[in-house]
């Protein structure tokens, strides 16, 4: 049984489990945000995907994903991993440098 299912199985259920279809995706994300999300996942002994799904589902309903203790933990992980971004930075992030593949021309040579 995957770790996320073991953890979920041990939590008190608010309802019947929901069977879903998950897909593998390649998402680019700021590295410090990723470090904090991974730390949250490790702390709760769940997968990174479970953390992201939980945050998104709460956001879709206009609910906070974290309570006061969880927010304190996020702030601590942010301090530890050097995350200094906040909500006002959303949609304004740009790459520090172009990734190597993006610098290639159509012929495969670097421009």
PDB file of N, CA and C in Angstrom:
ATOM      1  N   UNK A   1       0.848  -1.174   0.000  1.00  0.00           N
ATOM      2  CA  UNK A   1       0.000   0.000   0.000  1.00  0.00           C
ATOM      3  C   UNK A   1       0.893   1.237   0.000  1.00  0.00           C
ATOM      4  N   UNK A   2       0.664   2.192  -0.929  1.00  0.00           N
ATOM      5  CA  UNK A   2       1.473   3.406  -0.958  1.00  0.00           C
ATOM      6  C   UNK A   2       1.382   4.174   0.357  1.00  0.00           C
ATOM      7  N   UNK A   3       2.454   4.900   0.665  1.00  0.00           N
ATOM      8  CA  UNK A   3       2.527   5.647   1.917  1.00  0.00           C
ATOM      9  C   UNK A   3       1.331   6.577   2.092  1.00  0.00           C
ATOM     10  N   UNK A   4       0.903   7.247   1.024  1.00  0.00           N
ATOM     11  CA  UNK A   4      -0.223   8.180   1.133  1.00  0.00           C
ATOM     12  C   UNK A   4      -1.509   7.451   1.515  1.00  0.00           C
ATOM     13  N   UNK A   5      -1.688   6.241   1.024  1.00  0.00           N
ATOM     14  CA  UNK A   5      -2.891   5.480   1.368  1.00  0.00           C
ATOM     15  C   UNK A   5      -2.816   4.984   2.802  1.00  0.00           C
ATOM     16  N   UNK A   6      -1.617   4.608   3.276  1.00  0.00           N
ATOM     17  CA  UNK A   6      -1.484   4.182   4.675  1.00  0.00           C
ATOM     18  C   UNK A   6      -1.859   5.332   5.595  1.00  0.00           C
ATOM     19  N   UNK A   7      -1.349   6.516   5.311  1.00  0.00           N
ATOM     20  CA  UNK A   7      -1.633   7.691   6.142  1.00  0.00           C
ATOM     21  C   UNK A   7      -3.118   8.027   6.079  1.00  0.00           C
ATOM     22  N   UNK A   8      -3.686   8.037   4.887  1.00  0.00           N
ATOM     23  CA  UNK A   8      -5.100   8.353   4.720  1.00  0.00           C
ATOM     24  C   UNK A   8      -5.971   7.322   5.418  1.00  0.00           C
ATOM     25  N   UNK A   9      -5.573   6.064   5.353  1.00  0.00           N
ATOM     26  CA  UNK A   9      -6.357   5.000   5.977  1.00  0.00           C
ATOM     27  C   UNK A   9      -6.387   5.144   7.491  1.00  0.00           C
ATOM     28  N   UNK A  10      -5.354   5.763   8.085  1.00  0.00           N
ATOM     29  CA  UNK A  10      -5.298   5.904   9.530  1.00  0.00           C
ATOM     30  C   UNK A  10      -6.033   7.149  10.036  1.00  0.00           C
ATOM     31  N   UNK A  11      -6.435   8.039   9.131  1.00  0.00           N
ATOM     32  CA  UNK A  11      -7.138   9.248   9.529  1.00  0.00           C
ATOM     33  C   UNK A  11      -8.627   8.977   9.675  1.00  0.00           C
ATOM     34  N   UNK A  12      -9.296   9.674  10.603  1.00  0.00           N
ATOM     35  CA  UNK A  12     -10.736   9.497  10.711  1.00  0.00           C
ATOM     36  C   UNK A  12     -11.405  10.005   9.437  1.00  0.00           C
ATOM     37  N   UNK A  13     -12.250   9.173   8.847  1.00  0.00           N
ATOM     38  CA  UNK A  13     -12.873   9.512   7.574  1.00  0.00           C
ATOM     39  C   UNK A  13     -14.107  10.377   7.785  1.00  0.00           C
ATOM     40  N   UNK A  14     -14.200  11.461   7.013  1.00  0.00           N
ATOM     41  CA  UNK A  14     -15.380  12.310   7.045  1.00  0.00           C
ATOM     42  C   UNK A  14     -16.442  11.741   6.123  1.00  0.00           C
ATOM     43  N   UNK A  15     -16.083  10.764   5.339  1.00  0.00           N
ATOM     44  CA  UNK A  15     -16.977  10.128   4.386  1.00  0.00           C
ATOM     45  C   UNK A  15     -16.256   8.958   3.747  1.00  0.00           C
ATOM     46  N   UNK A  16     -16.917   8.344   2.818  1.00  0.00           N
ATOM     47  CA  UNK A  16     -16.322   7.201   2.125  1.00  0.00           C
ATOM     48  C   UNK A  16     -15.131   7.655   1.287  1.00  0.00           C
ATOM     49  N   UNK A  17     -14.108   6.800   1.154  1.00  0.00           N
ATOM     50  CA  UNK A  17     -12.976   7.153   0.292  1.00  0.00           C
ATOM     51  C   UNK A  17     -13.446   7.421  -1.136  1.00  0.00           C
ATOM     52  N   UNK A  18     -12.772   8.346  -1.815  1.00  0.00           N
ATOM     53  CA  UNK A  18     -13.102   8.675  -3.195  1.00  0.00           C
ATOM     54  C   UNK A  18     -12.035   8.093  -4.105  1.00  0.00           C
ATOM     55  N   UNK A  19     -12.438   7.266  -5.033  1.00  0.00           N
ATOM     56  CA  UNK A  19     -11.503   6.682  -5.990  1.00  0.00           C
ATOM     57  C   UNK A  19     -11.305   7.697  -7.113  1.00  0.00           C
ATOM     58  N   UNK A  20     -10.041   7.994  -7.410  1.00  0.00           N
ATOM     59  CA  UNK A  20      -9.711   8.973  -8.443  1.00  0.00           C
ATOM     60  C   UNK A  20      -8.705   8.384  -9.414  1.00  0.00           C
ATOM     61  N   UNK A  21      -8.527   9.037 -10.532  1.00  0.00           N
ATOM     62  CA  UNK A  21      -7.493   8.674 -11.490  1.00  0.00           C
ATOM     63  C   UNK A  21      -6.440   9.762 -11.448  1.00  0.00           C
ATOM     64  N   UNK A  22      -5.222   9.391 -11.116  1.00  0.00           N
ATOM     65  CA  UNK A  22      -4.128  10.357 -11.068  1.00  0.00           C
ATOM     66  C   UNK A  22      -3.283  10.214 -12.327  1.00  0.00           C
ATOM     67  N   UNK A  23      -2.682  11.318 -12.746  1.00  0.00           N
ATOM     68  CA  UNK A  23      -1.805  11.323 -13.918  1.00  0.00           C
ATOM     69  C   UNK A  23      -0.455  11.888 -13.524  1.00  0.00           C
ATOM     70  N   UNK A  24       0.578  11.437 -14.199  1.00  0.00           N
ATOM     71  CA  UNK A  24       1.924  11.959 -14.000  1.00  0.00           C
ATOM     72  C   UNK A  24       2.050  13.238 -14.814  1.00  0.00           C
ATOM     73  N   UNK A  25       2.610  14.281 -14.226  1.00  0.00           N
ATOM     74  CA  UNK A  25       2.747  15.546 -14.934  1.00  0.00           C
ATOM     75  C   UNK A  25       4.108  16.159 -14.626  1.00  0.00           C
ATOM     76  N   UNK A  26       4.598  16.913 -15.539  1.00  0.00           N
ATOM     77  CA  UNK A  26       5.852  17.628 -15.317  1.00  0.00           C
ATOM     78  C   UNK A  26       5.529  19.094 -15.110  1.00  0.00           C
ATOM     79  N   UNK A  27       5.614  19.559 -13.887  1.00  0.00           N
ATOM     80  CA  UNK A  27       5.267  20.936 -13.554  1.00  0.00           C
ATOM     81  C   UNK A  27       6.525  21.669 -13.116  1.00  0.00           C
ATOM     82  N   UNK A  28       6.751  22.845 -13.683  1.00  0.00           N
ATOM     83  CA  UNK A  28       7.876  23.670 -13.240  1.00  0.00           C
ATOM     84  C   UNK A  28       7.387  24.518 -12.083  1.00  0.00           C
ATOM     85  N   UNK A  29       8.184  24.560 -11.015  1.00  0.00           N
ATOM     86  CA  UNK A  29       7.802  25.293  -9.820  1.00  0.00           C
ATOM     87  C   UNK A  29       9.056  25.892  -9.187  1.00  0.00           C
ATOM     88  N   UNK A  30       8.914  27.017  -8.562  1.00  0.00           N
ATOM     89  CA  UNK A  30      10.047  27.693  -7.928  1.00  0.00           C
ATOM     90  C   UNK A  30      10.664  26.758  -6.898  1.00  0.00           C
ATOM     91  N   UNK A  31      11.991  26.675  -6.863  1.00  0.00           N
ATOM     92  CA  UNK A  31      12.657  25.633  -6.093  1.00  0.00           C
ATOM     93  C   UNK A  31      12.444  25.744  -4.587  1.00  0.00           C
ATOM     94  N   UNK A  32      12.343  26.943  -4.026  1.00  0.00           N
ATOM     95  CA  UNK A  32      12.133  27.077  -2.590  1.00  0.00           C
ATOM     96  C   UNK A  32      10.702  26.696  -2.197  1.00  0.00           C
ATOM     97  N   UNK A  33       9.741  27.011  -3.072  1.00  0.00           N
ATOM     98  CA  UNK A  33       8.358  26.585  -2.834  1.00  0.00           C
ATOM     99  C   UNK A  33       8.313  25.063  -2.799  1.00  0.00           C
ATOM    100  N   UNK A  34       8.991  24.432  -3.742  1.00  0.00           N
ATOM    101  CA  UNK A  34       9.023  22.973  -3.792  1.00  0.00           C
ATOM    102  C   UNK A  34       9.639  22.390  -2.531  1.00  0.00           C
ATOM    103  N   UNK A  35      10.720  22.974  -2.049  1.00  0.00           N
ATOM    104  CA  UNK A  35      11.366  22.475  -0.826  1.00  0.00           C
ATOM    105  C   UNK A  35      10.408  22.544   0.361  1.00  0.00           C
ATOM    106  N   UNK A  36       9.667  23.646   0.472  1.00  0.00           N
ATOM    107  CA  UNK A  36       8.714  23.794   1.577  1.00  0.00           C
ATOM    108  C   UNK A  36       7.579  22.779   1.429  1.00  0.00           C
ATOM    109  N   UNK A  37       7.055  22.608   0.221  1.00  0.00           N
ATOM    110  CA  UNK A  37       5.983  21.620   0.007  1.00  0.00           C
ATOM    111  C   UNK A  37       6.459  20.210   0.344  1.00  0.00           C
ATOM    112  N   UNK A  38       7.694  19.877  -0.058  1.00  0.00           N
ATOM    113  CA  UNK A  38       8.239  18.555   0.267  1.00  0.00           C
ATOM    114  C   UNK A  38       8.404  18.381   1.771  1.00  0.00           C
ATOM    115  N   UNK A  39       8.810  19.439   2.461  1.00  0.00           N
ATOM    116  CA  UNK A  39       8.959  19.370   3.918  1.00  0.00           C
ATOM    117  C   UNK A  39       7.607  19.139   4.592  1.00  0.00           C
ATOM    118  N   UNK A  40       6.571  19.798   4.088  1.00  0.00           N
ATOM    119  CA  UNK A  40       5.219  19.588   4.624  1.00  0.00           C
ATOM    120  C   UNK A  40       4.803  18.142   4.416  1.00  0.00           C
ATOM    121  N   UNK A  41       5.043  17.628   3.211  1.00  0.00           N
ATOM    122  CA  UNK A  41       4.684  16.243   2.904  1.00  0.00           C
ATOM    123  C   UNK A  41       5.423  15.277   3.823  1.00  0.00           C
ATOM    124  N   UNK A  42       6.721  15.489   3.989  1.00  0.00           N
ATOM    125  CA  UNK A  42       7.508  14.607   4.848  1.00  0.00           C
ATOM    126  C   UNK A  42       7.024  14.690   6.300  1.00  0.00           C
ATOM    127  N   UNK A  43       6.746  15.878   6.770  1.00  0.00           N
ATOM    128  CA  UNK A  43       6.275  16.067   8.141  1.00  0.00           C
ATOM    129  C   UNK A  43       4.988  15.271   8.393  1.00  0.00           C
ATOM    130  N   UNK A  44       4.079  15.298   7.413  1.00  0.00           N
ATOM    131  CA  UNK A  44       2.787  14.613   7.553  1.00  0.00           C
ATOM    132  C   UNK A  44       2.817  13.160   7.052  1.00  0.00           C
ATOM    133  N   UNK A  45       3.987  12.736   6.555  1.00  0.00           N
ATOM    134  CA  UNK A  45       4.152  11.388   6.013  1.00  0.00           C
ATOM    135  C   UNK A  45       3.141  11.081   4.910  1.00  0.00           C
ATOM    136  N   UNK A  46       3.005  12.048   3.995  1.00  0.00           N
ATOM    137  CA  UNK A  46       2.163  11.880   2.817  1.00  0.00           C
ATOM    138  C   UNK A  46       2.984  12.274   1.598  1.00  0.00           C
ATOM    139  N   UNK A  47       2.440  12.056   0.424  1.00  0.00           N
ATOM    140  CA  UNK A  47       3.181  12.392  -0.794  1.00  0.00           C
ATOM    141  C   UNK A  47       3.057  13.871  -1.119  1.00  0.00           C
ATOM    142  N   UNK A  48       3.983  14.348  -1.933  1.00  0.00           N
ATOM    143  CA  UNK A  48       3.927  15.717  -2.421  1.00  0.00           C
ATOM    144  C   UNK A  48       2.616  15.946  -3.176  1.00  0.00           C
ATOM    145  N   UNK A  49       2.210  14.969  -3.971  1.00  0.00           N
ATOM    146  CA  UNK A  49       0.948  15.076  -4.710  1.00  0.00           C
ATOM    147  C   UNK A  49      -0.243  15.254  -3.783  1.00  0.00           C
ATOM    148  N   UNK A  50      -0.259  14.523  -2.658  1.00  0.00           N
ATOM    149  CA  UNK A  50      -1.343  14.662  -1.692  1.00  0.00           C
ATOM    150  C   UNK A  50      -1.381  16.073  -1.108  1.00  0.00           C
ATOM    151  N   UNK A  51      -0.215  16.633  -0.833  1.00  0.00           N
ATOM    152  CA  UNK A  51      -0.146  18.000  -0.293  1.00  0.00           C
ATOM    153  C   UNK A  51      -0.721  18.983  -1.307  1.00  0.00           C
ATOM    154  N   UNK A  52      -0.276  18.874  -2.550  1.00  0.00           N
ATOM    155  CA  UNK A  52      -0.740  19.794  -3.593  1.00  0.00           C
ATOM    156  C   UNK A  52      -2.248  19.647  -3.803  1.00  0.00           C
ATOM    157  N   UNK A  53      -2.732  18.393  -3.884  1.00  0.00           N
ATOM    158  CA  UNK A  53      -4.169  18.182  -4.047  1.00  0.00           C
ATOM    159  C   UNK A  53      -4.958  18.811  -2.905  1.00  0.00           C
ATOM    160  N   UNK A  54      -4.476  18.634  -1.680  1.00  0.00           N
ATOM    161  CA  UNK A  54      -5.172  19.198  -0.522  1.00  0.00           C
ATOM    162  C   UNK A  54      -5.229  20.714  -0.561  1.00  0.00           C
ATOM    163  N   UNK A  55      -4.105  21.342  -0.885  1.00  0.00           N
ATOM    164  CA  UNK A  55      -4.064  22.806  -0.959  1.00  0.00           C
ATOM    165  C   UNK A  55      -5.011  23.310  -2.040  1.00  0.00           C
ATOM    166  N   UNK A  56      -4.971  22.676  -3.199  1.00  0.00           N
ATOM    167  CA  UNK A  56      -5.807  23.103  -4.322  1.00  0.00           C
ATOM    168  C   UNK A  56      -7.294  22.911  -4.011  1.00  0.00           C
ATOM    169  N   UNK A  57      -7.665  21.760  -3.467  1.00  0.00           N
ATOM    170  CA  UNK A  57      -9.077  21.522  -3.157  1.00  0.00           C
ATOM    171  C   UNK A  57      -9.600  22.518  -2.118  1.00  0.00           C
ATOM    172  N   UNK A  58      -8.778  22.843  -1.126  1.00  0.00           N
ATOM    173  CA  UNK A  58      -9.182  23.865  -0.155  1.00  0.00           C
ATOM    174  C   UNK A  58      -9.334  25.224  -0.850  1.00  0.00           C
ATOM    175  N   UNK A  59      -8.369  25.581  -1.696  1.00  0.00           N
ATOM    176  CA  UNK A  59      -8.416  26.870  -2.397  1.00  0.00           C
ATOM    177  C   UNK A  59      -9.646  26.964  -3.292  1.00  0.00           C
ATOM    178  N   UNK A  60      -9.986  25.872  -3.976  1.00  0.00           N
ATOM    179  CA  UNK A  60     -11.152  25.885  -4.863  1.00  0.00           C
ATOM    180  C   UNK A  60     -12.444  26.172  -4.100  1.00  0.00           C
ATOM    181  N   UNK A  61     -12.472  25.824  -2.817  1.00  0.00           N
ATOM    182  CA  UNK A  61     -13.658  26.076  -1.999  1.00  0.00           C
ATOM    183  C   UNK A  61     -13.525  27.362  -1.176  1.00  0.00           C
ATOM    184  N   UNK A  62     -12.439  28.087  -1.378  1.00  0.00           N
ATOM    185  CA  UNK A  62     -12.230  29.318  -0.630  1.00  0.00           C
ATOM    186  C   UNK A  62     -11.927  29.092   0.837  1.00  0.00           C
ATOM    187  N   UNK A  63     -11.392  27.913   1.154  1.00  0.00           N
ATOM    188  CA  UNK A  63     -11.068  27.556   2.533  1.00  0.00           C
ATOM    189  C   UNK A  63      -9.562  27.582   2.734  1.00  0.00           C
ATOM    190  N   UNK A  64      -9.111  27.902   3.947  1.00  0.00           N
ATOM    191  CA  UNK A  64      -7.669  27.848   4.195  1.00  0.00           C
ATOM    192  C   UNK A  64      -7.188  26.399   4.241  1.00  0.00           C
ATOM    193  N   UNK A  65      -6.046  26.154   3.647  1.00  0.00           N
ATOM    194  CA  UNK A  65      -5.484  24.795   3.626  1.00  0.00           C
ATOM    195  C   UNK A  65      -4.795  24.453   4.937  1.00  0.00           C
ATOM    196  N   UNK A  66      -4.421  25.479   5.718  1.00  0.00           N
ATOM    197  CA  UNK A  66      -3.686  25.266   6.958  1.00  0.00           C
ATOM    198  C   UNK A  66      -4.341  26.042   8.088  1.00  0.00           C
ATOM    199  N   UNK A  67      -4.349  25.438   9.266  1.00  0.00           N
ATOM    200  CA  UNK A  67      -4.794  26.126  10.470  1.00  0.00           C
ATOM    201  C   UNK A  67      -3.630  26.919  11.047  1.00  0.00           C
ATOM    202  N   UNK A  68      -3.834  27.538  12.220  1.00  0.00           N
ATOM    203  CA  UNK A  68      -2.767  28.351  12.825  1.00  0.00           C
ATOM    204  C   UNK A  68      -1.464  27.586  13.048  1.00  0.00           C
ATOM    205  N   UNK A  69      -1.543  26.351  13.525  1.00  0.00           N
ATOM    206  CA  UNK A  69      -0.324  25.559  13.751  1.00  0.00           C
ATOM    207  C   UNK A  69       0.354  25.227  12.432  1.00  0.00           C
ATOM    208  N   UNK A  70      -0.444  24.887  11.434  1.00  0.00           N
ATOM    209  CA  UNK A  70       0.104  24.578  10.111  1.00  0.00           C
ATOM    210  C   UNK A  70       0.784  25.773   9.481  1.00  0.00           C
ATOM    211  N   UNK A  71       0.193  26.955   9.654  1.00  0.00           N
ATOM    212  CA  UNK A  71       0.804  28.181   9.124  1.00  0.00           C
ATOM    213  C   UNK A  71       2.138  28.443   9.806  1.00  0.00           C
ATOM    214  N   UNK A  72       2.203  28.232  11.124  1.00  0.00           N
ATOM    215  CA  UNK A  72       3.472  28.400  11.837  1.00  0.00           C
ATOM    216  C   UNK A  72       4.528  27.453  11.277  1.00  0.00           C
ATOM    217  N   UNK A  73       4.122  26.216  10.988  1.00  0.00           N
ATOM    218  CA  UNK A  73       5.045  25.222  10.429  1.00  0.00           C
ATOM    219  C   UNK A  73       5.514  25.652   9.036  1.00  0.00           C
ATOM    220  N   UNK A  74       4.594  26.166   8.225  1.00  0.00           N
ATOM    221  CA  UNK A  74       4.958  26.654   6.890  1.00  0.00           C
ATOM    222  C   UNK A  74       5.974  27.795   7.013  1.00  0.00           C
ATOM    223  N   UNK A  75       5.747  28.710   7.939  1.00  0.00           N
ATOM    224  CA  UNK A  75       6.695  29.816   8.137  1.00  0.00           C
ATOM    225  C   UNK A  75       8.066  29.294   8.565  1.00  0.00           C
ATOM    226  N   UNK A  76       8.067  28.284   9.433  1.00  0.00           N
ATOM    227  CA  UNK A  76       9.343  27.709   9.886  1.00  0.00           C
ATOM    228  C   UNK A  76      10.066  27.030   8.716  1.00  0.00           C
ATOM    229  N   UNK A  77       9.347  26.226   7.931  1.00  0.00           N
ATOM    230  CA  UNK A  77       9.957  25.577   6.771  1.00  0.00           C
ATOM    231  C   UNK A  77      10.439  26.631   5.765  1.00  0.00           C
ATOM    232  N   UNK A  78       9.664  27.708   5.601  1.00  0.00           N
ATOM    233  CA  UNK A  78      10.064  28.775   4.678  1.00  0.00           C
ATOM    234  C   UNK A  78      11.375  29.410   5.127  1.00  0.00           C
ATOM    235  N   UNK A  79      11.513  29.625   6.426  1.00  0.00           N
ATOM    236  CA  UNK A  79      12.750  30.194   6.965  1.00  0.00           C
ATOM    237  C   UNK A  79      13.915  29.230   6.731  1.00  0.00           C
ATOM    238  N   UNK A  80      13.689  27.949   7.042  1.00  0.00           N
ATOM    239  CA  UNK A  80      14.739  26.942   6.908  1.00  0.00           C
ATOM    240  C   UNK A  80      15.214  26.820   5.454  1.00  0.00           C
ATOM    241  N   UNK A  81      14.260  26.823   4.519  1.00  0.00           N
ATOM    242  CA  UNK A  81      14.596  26.578   3.114  1.00  0.00           C
ATOM    243  C   UNK A  81      14.737  27.857   2.274  1.00  0.00           C
ATOM    244  N   UNK A  82      14.711  29.021   2.924  1.00  0.00           N
ATOM    245  CA  UNK A  82      14.992  30.265   2.213  1.00  0.00           C
ATOM    246  C   UNK A  82      13.892  30.773   1.305  1.00  0.00           C
ATOM    247  N   UNK A  83      12.644  30.413   1.596  1.00  0.00           N
ATOM    248  CA  UNK A  83      11.530  30.902   0.785  1.00  0.00           C
ATOM    249  C   UNK A  83      11.146  32.292   1.272  1.00  0.00           C
ATOM    250  N   UNK A  84      11.369  33.296   0.437  1.00  0.00           N
ATOM    251  CA  UNK A  84      11.038  34.666   0.822  1.00  0.00           C
ATOM    252  C   UNK A  84       9.967  35.271  -0.083  1.00  0.00           C
ATOM    253  N   UNK A  85       9.230  34.428  -0.778  1.00  0.00           N
ATOM    254  CA  UNK A  85       8.136  34.882  -1.641  1.00  0.00           C
ATOM    255  C   UNK A  85       6.829  34.857  -0.853  1.00  0.00           C
ATOM    256  N   UNK A  86       5.864  35.679  -1.295  1.00  0.00           N
ATOM    257  CA  UNK A  86       4.540  35.638  -0.693  1.00  0.00           C
ATOM    258  C   UNK A  86       3.483  35.815  -1.777  1.00  0.00           C
ATOM    259  N   UNK A  87       2.235  35.893  -1.383  1.00  0.00           N
ATOM    260  CA  UNK A  87       1.133  35.941  -2.351  1.00  0.00           C
ATOM    261  C   UNK A  87       1.242  37.127  -3.301  1.00  0.00           C
ATOM    262  N   UNK A  88       1.812  38.228  -2.852  1.00  0.00           N
ATOM    263  CA  UNK A  88       1.932  39.390  -3.742  1.00  0.00           C
ATOM    264  C   UNK A  88       2.911  39.133  -4.889  1.00  0.00           C
ATOM    265  N   UNK A  89       3.743  38.104  -4.754  1.00  0.00           N
ATOM    266  CA  UNK A  89       4.694  37.753  -5.813  1.00  0.00           C
ATOM    267  C   UNK A  89       4.075  36.839  -6.879  1.00  0.00           C
ATOM    268  N   UNK A  90       2.892  36.295  -6.591  1.00  0.00           N
ATOM    269  CA  UNK A  90       2.254  35.361  -7.526  1.00  0.00           C
ATOM    270  C   UNK A  90       2.051  36.025  -8.890  1.00  0.00           C
ATOM    271  N   UNK A  91       2.273  35.276  -9.938  1.00  0.00           N
ATOM    272  CA  UNK A  91       2.088  35.704 -11.327  1.00  0.00           C
ATOM    273  C   UNK A  91       3.080  36.779 -11.760  1.00  0.00           C
ATOM    274  N   UNK A  92       4.115  37.011 -10.946  1.00  0.00           N
ATOM    275  CA  UNK A  92       5.164  37.971 -11.312  1.00  0.00           C
ATOM    276  C   UNK A  92       6.530  37.316 -11.331  1.00  0.00           C
ATOM    277  N   UNK A  93       6.588  36.007 -11.168  1.00  0.00           N
ATOM    278  CA  UNK A  93       7.863  35.297 -11.112  1.00  0.00           C
ATOM    279  C   UNK A  93       8.385  35.050 -12.523  1.00  0.00           C
ATOM    280  N   UNK A  94       9.656  35.311 -12.716  1.00  0.00           N
ATOM    281  CA  UNK A  94      10.303  35.046 -14.004  1.00  0.00           C
ATOM    282  C   UNK A  94      11.548  34.214 -13.740  1.00  0.00           C
ATOM    283  N   UNK A  95      11.979  33.462 -14.739  1.00  0.00           N
ATOM    284  CA  UNK A  95      13.164  32.616 -14.622  1.00  0.00           C
ATOM    285  C   UNK A  95      14.418  33.478 -14.451  1.00  0.00           C
ATOM    286  N   UNK A  96      15.329  33.040 -13.600  1.00  0.00           N
ATOM    287  CA  UNK A  96      16.598  33.737 -13.412  1.00  0.00           C
ATOM    288  C   UNK A  96      17.413  33.681 -14.696  1.00  0.00           C
ATOM    289  N   UNK A  97      17.436  32.520 -15.341  1.00  0.00           N
ATOM    290  CA  UNK A  97      18.103  32.339 -16.631  1.00  0.00           C
ATOM    291  C   UNK A  97      17.255  31.396 -17.445  1.00  0.00           C
ATOM    292  N   UNK A  98      17.426  31.438 -18.748  1.00  0.00           N
ATOM    293  CA  UNK A  98      16.702  30.502 -19.600  1.00  0.00           C
ATOM    294  C   UNK A  98      17.249  29.104 -19.376  1.00  0.00           C
ATOM    295  N   UNK A  99      16.368  28.098 -19.278  1.00  0.00           N
ATOM    296  CA  UNK A  99      16.872  26.734 -19.187  1.00  0.00           C
ATOM    297  C   UNK A  99      17.619  26.382 -20.471  1.00  0.00           C
ATOM    298  N   UNK A 100      18.611  25.499 -20.411  1.00  0.00           N
ATOM    299  CA  UNK A 100      19.426  25.172 -21.588  1.00  0.00           C
ATOM    300  C   UNK A 100      18.606  24.771 -22.809  1.00  0.00           C
ATOM    301  N   UNK A 101      17.562  23.988 -22.659  1.00  0.00           N
ATOM    302  CA  UNK A 101      16.766  23.540 -23.810  1.00  0.00           C
ATOM    303  C   UNK A 101      16.084  24.712 -24.502  1.00  0.00           C
ATOM    304  N   UNK A 102      15.721  25.729 -23.762  1.00  0.00           N
ATOM    305  CA  UNK A 102      15.024  26.874 -24.344  1.00  0.00           C
ATOM    306  C   UNK A 102      15.959  27.740 -25.179  1.00  0.00           C
ATOM    307  N   UNK A 103      17.259  27.623 -24.961  1.00  0.00           N
ATOM    308  CA  UNK A 103      18.220  28.431 -25.710  1.00  0.00           C
ATOM    309  C   UNK A 103      18.594  27.797 -27.037  1.00  0.00           C
ATOM    310  N   UNK A 104      18.131  26.597 -27.289  1.00  0.00           N
ATOM    311  CA  UNK A 104      18.490  25.901 -28.530  1.00  0.00           C
ATOM    312  C   UNK A 104      17.623  26.402 -29.688  1.00  0.00           C
ATOM    313  N   UNK A 105      18.206  26.413 -30.882  1.00  0.00           N
ATOM    314  CA  UNK A 105      17.450  26.771 -32.071  1.00  0.00           C
ATOM    315  C   UNK A 105      16.732  25.541 -32.587  1.00  0.00           C
ATOM    316  N   UNK A 106      15.966  25.698 -33.627  1.00  0.00           N
ATOM    317  CA  UNK A 106      15.212  24.577 -34.212  1.00  0.00           C
ATOM    318  C   UNK A 106      16.138  23.473 -34.713  1.00  0.00           C
ATOM    319  N   UNK A 107      17.362  23.803 -35.049  1.00  0.00           N
ATOM    320  CA  UNK A 107      18.289  22.800 -35.571  1.00  0.00           C
ATOM    321  C   UNK A 107      18.963  22.024 -34.435  1.00  0.00           C
ATOM    322  N   UNK A 108      18.697  22.431 -33.213  1.00  0.00           N
ATOM    323  CA  UNK A 108      19.314  21.747 -32.075  1.00  0.00           C
ATOM    324  C   UNK A 108      20.600  22.386 -31.632  1.00  0.00           C
ATOM    325  N   UNK A 109      21.054  23.402 -32.345  1.00  0.00           N
ATOM    326  CA  UNK A 109      22.281  24.110 -31.962  1.00  0.00           C
ATOM    327  C   UNK A 109      21.933  25.277 -31.070  1.00  0.00           C
ATOM    328  N   UNK A 110      22.870  25.611 -30.248  1.00  0.00           N
ATOM    329  CA  UNK A 110      22.653  26.771 -29.370  1.00  0.00           C
ATOM    330  C   UNK A 110      22.692  28.042 -30.204  1.00  0.00           C
ATOM    331  N   UNK A 111      21.855  28.983 -29.799  1.00  0.00           N
ATOM    332  CA  UNK A 111      21.819  30.258 -30.541  1.00  0.00           C
ATOM    333  C   UNK A 111      22.850  31.220 -30.017  1.00  0.00           C
TER     334      UNK A 111
END
